[in-house]
PDB file of all heavy atoms in Angstrom:
ATOM      1  N   THR A   1       2.841  -3.568  -5.448  1.00  0.00           N
ATOM      2  CA  THR A   1       4.036  -4.337  -5.875  1.00  0.00           C
ATOM      3  C   THR A   1       4.529  -3.758  -7.209  1.00  0.00           C
ATOM      4  O   THR A   1       4.084  -2.645  -7.586  1.00  0.00           O
ATOM      5  CB  THR A   1       3.728  -5.847  -5.970  1.00  0.00           C
ATOM      6  OG1 THR A   1       4.904  -6.568  -6.236  1.00  0.00           O
ATOM      7  CG2 THR A   1       2.674  -6.128  -7.013  1.00  0.00           C
ATOM      8  N   ASP A   2       5.391  -4.481  -7.884  1.00  0.00           N
ATOM      9  CA  ASP A   2       5.977  -3.914  -9.111  1.00  0.00           C
ATOM     10  C   ASP A   2       5.051  -3.995 -10.346  1.00  0.00           C
ATOM     11  O   ASP A   2       5.428  -3.543 -11.415  1.00  0.00           O
ATOM     12  CB  ASP A   2       7.317  -4.575  -9.434  1.00  0.00           C
ATOM     13  CG  ASP A   2       7.252  -6.066  -9.551  1.00  0.00           C
ATOM     14  OD1 ASP A   2       6.204  -6.632  -9.084  1.00  0.00           O
ATOM     15  OD2 ASP A   2       8.181  -6.671 -10.097  1.00  0.00           O
ATOM     16  N   THR A   3       3.866  -4.585 -10.160  1.00  0.00           N
ATOM     17  CA  THR A   3       2.876  -4.645 -11.250  1.00  0.00           C
ATOM     18  C   THR A   3       1.514  -4.171 -10.668  1.00  0.00           C
ATOM     19  O   THR A   3       1.315  -4.265  -9.458  1.00  0.00           O
ATOM     20  CB  THR A   3       2.704  -6.077 -11.830  1.00  0.00           C
ATOM     21  OG1 THR A   3       2.377  -6.972 -10.773  1.00  0.00           O
ATOM     22  CG2 THR A   3       3.996  -6.532 -12.507  1.00  0.00           C
ATOM     23  N   TYR A   4       0.629  -3.761 -11.531  1.00  0.00           N
ATOM     24  CA  TYR A   4      -0.670  -3.299 -11.051  1.00  0.00           C
ATOM     25  C   TYR A   4      -1.500  -4.477 -10.522  1.00  0.00           C
ATOM     26  O   TYR A   4      -1.523  -5.543 -11.116  1.00  0.00           O
ATOM     27  CB  TYR A   4      -1.443  -2.620 -12.209  1.00  0.00           C
ATOM     28  CG  TYR A   4      -2.811  -2.069 -11.754  1.00  0.00           C
ATOM     29  CD1 TYR A   4      -2.852  -0.810 -11.134  1.00  0.00           C
ATOM     30  CD2 TYR A   4      -3.967  -2.791 -11.915  1.00  0.00           C
ATOM     31  CE1 TYR A   4      -4.071  -0.301 -10.702  1.00  0.00           C
ATOM     32  CE2 TYR A   4      -5.182  -2.267 -11.445  1.00  0.00           C
ATOM     33  CZ  TYR A   4      -5.222  -1.013 -10.894  1.00  0.00           C
ATOM     34  OH  TYR A   4      -6.435  -0.548 -10.432  1.00  0.00           O
ATOM     35  N   VAL A   5      -2.108  -4.260  -9.363  1.00  0.00           N
ATOM     36  CA  VAL A   5      -2.920  -5.323  -8.732  1.00  0.00           C
ATOM     37  C   VAL A   5      -4.398  -5.110  -9.059  1.00  0.00           C
ATOM     38  O   VAL A   5      -4.970  -4.083  -8.712  1.00  0.00           O
ATOM     39  CB  VAL A   5      -2.692  -5.322  -7.215  1.00  0.00           C
ATOM     40  CG1 VAL A   5      -3.619  -6.322  -6.547  1.00  0.00           C
ATOM     41  CG2 VAL A   5      -1.254  -5.610  -6.861  1.00  0.00           C
ATOM     42  N   GLU A   6      -4.956  -6.106  -9.712  1.00  0.00           N
ATOM     43  CA  GLU A   6      -6.398  -6.015 -10.065  1.00  0.00           C
ATOM     44  C   GLU A   6      -7.299  -6.384  -8.866  1.00  0.00           C
ATOM     45  O   GLU A   6      -8.234  -5.667  -8.556  1.00  0.00           O
ATOM     46  CB  GLU A   6      -6.700  -6.989 -11.251  1.00  0.00           C
ATOM     47  CG  GLU A   6      -6.048  -6.609 -12.558  1.00  0.00           C
ATOM     48  CD  GLU A   6      -6.715  -5.386 -13.211  1.00  0.00           C
ATOM     49  OE1 GLU A   6      -7.850  -4.988 -12.741  1.00  0.00           O
ATOM     50  OE2 GLU A   6      -6.131  -4.841 -14.156  1.00  0.00           O
ATOM     51  N   ASN A   7      -6.954  -7.508  -8.206  1.00  0.00           N
ATOM     52  CA  ASN A   7      -7.759  -7.981  -7.061  1.00  0.00           C
ATOM     53  C   ASN A   7      -7.033  -7.686  -5.773  1.00  0.00           C
ATOM     54  O   ASN A   7      -6.217  -8.459  -5.341  1.00  0.00           O
ATOM     55  CB  ASN A   7      -8.065  -9.461  -7.241  1.00  0.00           C
ATOM     56  CG  ASN A   7      -9.018  -9.986  -6.177  1.00  0.00           C
ATOM     57  OD1 ASN A   7      -9.489  -9.232  -5.310  1.00  0.00           O
ATOM     58  ND2 ASN A   7      -9.325 -11.260  -6.223  1.00  0.00           N
ATOM     59  N   THR A   8      -7.386  -6.587  -5.136  1.00  0.00           N
ATOM     60  CA  THR A   8      -6.691  -6.191  -3.894  1.00  0.00           C
ATOM     61  C   THR A   8      -7.043  -7.108  -2.718  1.00  0.00           C
ATOM     62  O   THR A   8      -6.312  -7.182  -1.751  1.00  0.00           O
ATOM     63  CB  THR A   8      -6.981  -4.747  -3.533  1.00  0.00           C
ATOM     64  OG1 THR A   8      -8.398  -4.530  -3.515  1.00  0.00           O
ATOM     65  CG2 THR A   8      -6.386  -3.799  -4.588  1.00  0.00           C
ATOM     66  N   ASP A   9      -8.217  -7.775  -2.814  1.00  0.00           N
ATOM     67  CA  ASP A   9      -8.636  -8.685  -1.733  1.00  0.00           C
ATOM     68  C   ASP A   9      -7.602  -9.778  -1.519  1.00  0.00           C
ATOM     69  O   ASP A   9      -7.456 -10.237  -0.381  1.00  0.00           O
ATOM     70  CB  ASP A   9     -10.008  -9.317  -2.053  1.00  0.00           C
ATOM     71  CG  ASP A   9     -11.128  -8.311  -1.938  1.00  0.00           C
ATOM     72  OD1 ASP A   9     -10.927  -7.252  -1.314  1.00  0.00           O
ATOM     73  OD2 ASP A   9     -12.234  -8.576  -2.470  1.00  0.00           O
ATOM     74  N   GLU A  10      -6.930 -10.190  -2.562  1.00  0.00           N
ATOM     75  CA  GLU A  10      -5.949 -11.287  -2.434  1.00  0.00           C
ATOM     76  C   GLU A  10      -4.754 -10.884  -1.587  1.00  0.00           C
ATOM     77  O   GLU A  10      -3.990 -11.761  -1.167  1.00  0.00           O
ATOM     78  CB  GLU A  10      -5.456 -11.713  -3.852  1.00  0.00           C
ATOM     79  CG  GLU A  10      -6.567 -12.337  -4.697  1.00  0.00           C
ATOM     80  CD  GLU A  10      -6.077 -12.695  -6.094  1.00  0.00           C
ATOM     81  OE1 GLU A  10      -4.943 -12.286  -6.429  1.00  0.00           O
ATOM     82  OE2 GLU A  10      -6.809 -13.401  -6.806  1.00  0.00           O
ATOM     83  N   TRP A  11      -4.566  -9.623  -1.299  1.00  0.00           N
ATOM     84  CA  TRP A  11      -3.388  -9.152  -0.580  1.00  0.00           C
ATOM     85  C   TRP A  11      -3.685  -8.976   0.908  1.00  0.00           C
ATOM     86  O   TRP A  11      -2.770  -8.717   1.700  1.00  0.00           O
ATOM     87  CB  TRP A  11      -2.907  -7.837  -1.166  1.00  0.00           C
ATOM     88  CG  TRP A  11      -2.200  -8.092  -2.490  1.00  0.00           C
ATOM     89  CD1 TRP A  11      -2.815  -8.306  -3.702  1.00  0.00           C
ATOM     90  CD2 TRP A  11      -0.805  -8.173  -2.726  1.00  0.00           C
ATOM     91  NE1 TRP A  11      -1.838  -8.544  -4.659  1.00  0.00           N
ATOM     92  CE2 TRP A  11      -0.622  -8.436  -4.082  1.00  0.00           C
ATOM     93  CE3 TRP A  11       0.310  -8.051  -1.885  1.00  0.00           C
ATOM     94  CZ2 TRP A  11       0.645  -8.580  -4.606  1.00  0.00           C
ATOM     95  CZ3 TRP A  11       1.578  -8.164  -2.438  1.00  0.00           C
ATOM     96  CH2 TRP A  11       1.726  -8.446  -3.806  1.00  0.00           C
ATOM     97  N   ILE A  12      -4.944  -9.134   1.326  1.00  0.00           N
ATOM     98  CA  ILE A  12      -5.285  -8.985   2.743  1.00  0.00           C
ATOM     99  C   ILE A  12      -4.546 -10.036   3.596  1.00  0.00           C
ATOM    100  O   ILE A  12      -4.579 -11.231   3.249  1.00  0.00           O
ATOM    101  CB  ILE A  12      -6.838  -9.112   2.954  1.00  0.00           C
ATOM    102  CG1 ILE A  12      -7.527  -7.948   2.237  1.00  0.00           C
ATOM    103  CG2 ILE A  12      -7.153  -9.075   4.444  1.00  0.00           C
ATOM    104  CD1 ILE A  12      -9.048  -8.067   2.266  1.00  0.00           C
ATOM    105  N   GLY A  13      -3.897  -9.591   4.646  1.00  0.00           N
ATOM    106  CA  GLY A  13      -3.150 -10.497   5.527  1.00  0.00           C
ATOM    107  C   GLY A  13      -1.693 -10.696   5.116  1.00  0.00           C
ATOM    108  O   GLY A  13      -0.895 -11.225   5.887  1.00  0.00           O
ATOM    109  N   LYS A  14      -1.318 -10.196   3.951  1.00  0.00           N
ATOM    110  CA  LYS A  14       0.063 -10.369   3.463  1.00  0.00           C
ATOM    111  C   LYS A  14       0.966  -9.289   4.041  1.00  0.00           C
ATOM    112  O   LYS A  14       0.509  -8.159   4.245  1.00  0.00           O
ATOM    113  CB  LYS A  14       0.153 -10.352   1.960  1.00  0.00           C
ATOM    114  CG  LYS A  14      -0.449 -11.572   1.271  1.00  0.00           C
ATOM    115  CD  LYS A  14      -0.232 -11.522  -0.222  1.00  0.00           C
ATOM    116  CE  LYS A  14      -0.766 -12.786  -0.916  1.00  0.00           C
ATOM    117  NZ  LYS A  14      -0.523 -12.766  -2.388  1.00  0.00           N
ATOM    118  N   GLU A  15       2.235  -9.617   4.293  1.00  0.00           N
ATOM    119  CA  GLU A  15       3.208  -8.631   4.720  1.00  0.00           C
ATOM    120  C   GLU A  15       4.054  -8.211   3.529  1.00  0.00           C
ATOM    121  O   GLU A  15       4.541  -9.063   2.794  1.00  0.00           O
ATOM    122  CB  GLU A  15       4.103  -9.240   5.815  1.00  0.00           C
ATOM    123  CG  GLU A  15       3.411  -9.380   7.166  1.00  0.00           C
ATOM    124  CD  GLU A  15       4.376  -9.742   8.281  1.00  0.00           C
ATOM    125  OE1 GLU A  15       5.475 -10.247   7.971  1.00  0.00           O
ATOM    126  OE2 GLU A  15       4.043  -9.569   9.454  1.00  0.00           O
ATOM    127  N   ILE A  16       4.241  -6.923   3.385  1.00  0.00           N
ATOM    128  CA  ILE A  16       5.086  -6.419   2.330  1.00  0.00           C
ATOM    129  C   ILE A  16       5.990  -5.302   2.876  1.00  0.00           C
ATOM    130  O   ILE A  16       5.736  -4.741   3.911  1.00  0.00           O
ATOM    131  CB  ILE A  16       4.251  -5.848   1.109  1.00  0.00           C
ATOM    132  CG1 ILE A  16       3.383  -4.668   1.575  1.00  0.00           C
ATOM    133  CG2 ILE A  16       3.373  -6.949   0.521  1.00  0.00           C
ATOM    134  CD1 ILE A  16       2.744  -3.931   0.435  1.00  0.00           C
ATOM    135  N   GLU A  17       7.056  -5.014   2.119  1.00  0.00           N
ATOM    136  CA  GLU A  17       7.932  -3.898   2.477  1.00  0.00           C
ATOM    137  C   GLU A  17       7.574  -2.690   1.670  1.00  0.00           C
ATOM    138  O   GLU A  17       7.332  -2.788   0.442  1.00  0.00           O
ATOM    139  CB  GLU A  17       9.392  -4.302   2.263  1.00  0.00           C
ATOM    140  CG  GLU A  17       9.871  -5.368   3.235  1.00  0.00           C
ATOM    141  CD  GLU A  17      11.325  -5.697   3.069  1.00  0.00           C
ATOM    142  OE1 GLU A  17      11.855  -5.575   1.916  1.00  0.00           O
ATOM    143  OE2 GLU A  17      11.982  -6.073   4.071  1.00  0.00           O
ATOM    144  N   VAL A  18       7.505  -1.525   2.326  1.00  0.00           N
ATOM    145  CA  VAL A  18       7.068  -0.295   1.637  1.00  0.00           C
ATOM    146  C   VAL A  18       7.981   0.880   2.069  1.00  0.00           C
ATOM    147  O   VAL A  18       8.750   0.793   2.971  1.00  0.00           O
ATOM    148  CB  VAL A  18       5.601   0.031   2.065  1.00  0.00           C
ATOM    149  CG1 VAL A  18       4.659  -1.032   1.604  1.00  0.00           C
ATOM    150  CG2 VAL A  18       5.487   0.237   3.564  1.00  0.00           C
ATOM    151  N   LYS A  19       7.781   1.963   1.308  1.00  0.00           N
ATOM    152  CA  LYS A  19       8.374   3.239   1.639  1.00  0.00           C
ATOM    153  C   LYS A  19       7.277   4.270   1.748  1.00  0.00           C
ATOM    154  O   LYS A  19       6.198   4.107   1.111  1.00  0.00           O
ATOM    155  CB  LYS A  19       9.382   3.672   0.545  1.00  0.00           C
ATOM    156  CG  LYS A  19      10.648   2.838   0.525  1.00  0.00           C
ATOM    157  CD  LYS A  19      11.646   3.405  -0.467  1.00  0.00           C
ATOM    158  CE  LYS A  19      12.923   2.565  -0.475  1.00  0.00           C
ATOM    159  NZ  LYS A  19      13.919   3.129  -1.431  1.00  0.00           N
ATOM    160  N   ILE A  20       7.474   5.277   2.519  1.00  0.00           N
ATOM    161  CA  ILE A  20       6.483   6.373   2.658  1.00  0.00           C
ATOM    162  C   ILE A  20       6.680   7.364   1.569  1.00  0.00           C
ATOM    163  O   ILE A  20       7.759   7.876   1.332  1.00  0.00           O
ATOM    164  CB  ILE A  20       6.666   7.041   4.064  1.00  0.00           C
ATOM    165  CG1 ILE A  20       6.402   6.035   5.178  1.00  0.00           C
ATOM    166  CG2 ILE A  20       5.713   8.244   4.206  1.00  0.00           C
ATOM    167  CD1 ILE A  20       6.737   6.556   6.574  1.00  0.00           C
ATOM    168  N   ILE A  21       5.585   7.622   0.843  1.00  0.00           N
ATOM    169  CA  ILE A  21       5.701   8.576  -0.280  1.00  0.00           C
ATOM    170  C   ILE A  21       4.933   9.894  -0.054  1.00  0.00           C
ATOM    171  O   ILE A  21       5.140  10.862  -0.752  1.00  0.00           O
ATOM    172  CB  ILE A  21       5.243   7.899  -1.596  1.00  0.00           C
ATOM    173  CG1 ILE A  21       3.796   7.429  -1.525  1.00  0.00           C
ATOM    174  CG2 ILE A  21       6.154   6.753  -1.980  1.00  0.00           C
ATOM    175  CD1 ILE A  21       3.261   6.931  -2.869  1.00  0.00           C
ATOM    176  N   ASN A  22       4.035   9.898   0.917  1.00  0.00           N
ATOM    177  CA  ASN A  22       3.315  11.142   1.217  1.00  0.00           C
ATOM    178  C   ASN A  22       2.888  11.185   2.648  1.00  0.00           C
ATOM    179  O   ASN A  22       2.298  10.276   3.183  1.00  0.00           O
ATOM    180  CB  ASN A  22       2.067  11.231   0.326  1.00  0.00           C
ATOM    181  CG  ASN A  22       1.413  12.594   0.388  1.00  0.00           C
ATOM    182  OD1 ASN A  22       2.083  13.605   0.632  1.00  0.00           O
ATOM    183  ND2 ASN A  22       0.102  12.646   0.216  1.00  0.00           N
ATOM    184  N   VAL A  23       3.242  12.301   3.354  1.00  0.00           N
ATOM    185  CA  VAL A  23       2.849  12.523   4.730  1.00  0.00           C
ATOM    186  C   VAL A  23       2.177  13.880   4.843  1.00  0.00           C
ATOM    187  O   VAL A  23       2.727  14.899   4.545  1.00  0.00           O
ATOM    188  CB  VAL A  23       4.067  12.539   5.678  1.00  0.00           C
ATOM    189  CG1 VAL A  23       3.658  12.767   7.089  1.00  0.00           C
ATOM    190  CG2 VAL A  23       4.833  11.198   5.585  1.00  0.00           C
ATOM    191  N   GLU A  24       0.840  13.862   5.222  1.00  0.00           N
ATOM    192  CA  GLU A  24       0.113  15.082   5.421  1.00  0.00           C
ATOM    193  C   GLU A  24      -0.453  15.080   6.832  1.00  0.00           C
ATOM    194  O   GLU A  24      -1.534  14.546   7.101  1.00  0.00           O
ATOM    195  CB  GLU A  24      -1.008  15.190   4.388  1.00  0.00           C
ATOM    196  CG  GLU A  24      -0.545  15.364   2.982  1.00  0.00           C
ATOM    197  CD  GLU A  24      -1.676  15.521   2.000  1.00  0.00           C
ATOM    198  OE1 GLU A  24      -2.773  15.998   2.447  1.00  0.00           O
ATOM    199  OE2 GLU A  24      -1.496  15.196   0.802  1.00  0.00           O
ATOM    200  N   GLU A  25       0.244  15.739   7.749  1.00  0.00           N
ATOM    201  CA  GLU A  25      -0.187  15.764   9.137  1.00  0.00           C
ATOM    202  C   GLU A  25      -1.505  16.493   9.303  1.00  0.00           C
ATOM    203  O   GLU A  25      -2.370  16.034  10.073  1.00  0.00           O
ATOM    204  CB  GLU A  25       0.903  16.446   9.993  1.00  0.00           C
ATOM    205  CG  GLU A  25       0.518  16.513  11.476  1.00  0.00           C
ATOM    206  CD  GLU A  25       1.618  17.183  12.327  1.00  0.00           C
ATOM    207  OE1 GLU A  25       2.663  17.564  11.748  1.00  0.00           O
ATOM    208  OE2 GLU A  25       1.398  17.310  13.513  1.00  0.00           O
ATOM    209  N   LYS A  26      -1.669  17.610   8.603  1.00  0.00           N
ATOM    210  CA  LYS A  26      -2.908  18.366   8.704  1.00  0.00           C
ATOM    211  C   LYS A  26      -4.142  17.573   8.359  1.00  0.00           C
ATOM    212  O   LYS A  26      -5.182  17.629   9.041  1.00  0.00           O
ATOM    213  CB  LYS A  26      -2.794  19.611   7.798  1.00  0.00           C
ATOM    214  CG  LYS A  26      -4.000  20.528   7.875  1.00  0.00           C
ATOM    215  CD  LYS A  26      -3.844  21.749   6.964  1.00  0.00           C
ATOM    216  CE  LYS A  26      -5.034  22.653   7.047  1.00  0.00           C
ATOM    217  NZ  LYS A  26      -4.911  23.832   6.147  1.00  0.00           N
ATOM    218  N   ASN A  27      -4.042  16.767   7.300  1.00  0.00           N
ATOM    219  CA  ASN A  27      -5.202  15.965   6.866  1.00  0.00           C
ATOM    220  C   ASN A  27      -5.140  14.541   7.402  1.00  0.00           C
ATOM    221  O   ASN A  27      -5.962  13.693   7.033  1.00  0.00           O
ATOM    222  CB  ASN A  27      -5.272  15.900   5.331  1.00  0.00           C
ATOM    223  CG  ASN A  27      -5.450  17.280   4.733  1.00  0.00           C
ATOM    224  OD1 ASN A  27      -6.200  18.100   5.240  1.00  0.00           O
ATOM    225  ND2 ASN A  27      -4.694  17.565   3.667  1.00  0.00           N
ATOM    226  N   LYS A  28      -4.155  14.232   8.261  1.00  0.00           N
ATOM    227  CA  LYS A  28      -3.937  12.893   8.797  1.00  0.00           C
ATOM    228  C   LYS A  28      -3.878  11.855   7.674  1.00  0.00           C
ATOM    229  O   LYS A  28      -4.511  10.787   7.725  1.00  0.00           O
ATOM    230  CB  LYS A  28      -5.063  12.541   9.785  1.00  0.00           C
ATOM    231  CG  LYS A  28      -5.263  13.516  10.917  1.00  0.00           C
ATOM    232  CD  LYS A  28      -4.053  13.624  11.799  1.00  0.00           C
ATOM    233  CE  LYS A  28      -4.249  14.605  12.942  1.00  0.00           C
ATOM    234  NZ  LYS A  28      -3.005  14.813  13.731  1.00  0.00           N
TER     235      LYS A  28
END
C-alpha cells in the first residue's frame, strides 16, 4: 500500500489493486 507494512499477516485474505512492475519469464 502507500505506507510500509510491518505485519504482512494482517493482509492475508484482503483484496487490493496492483500494477505489474517486473515480469521475468525465464525465471518465472
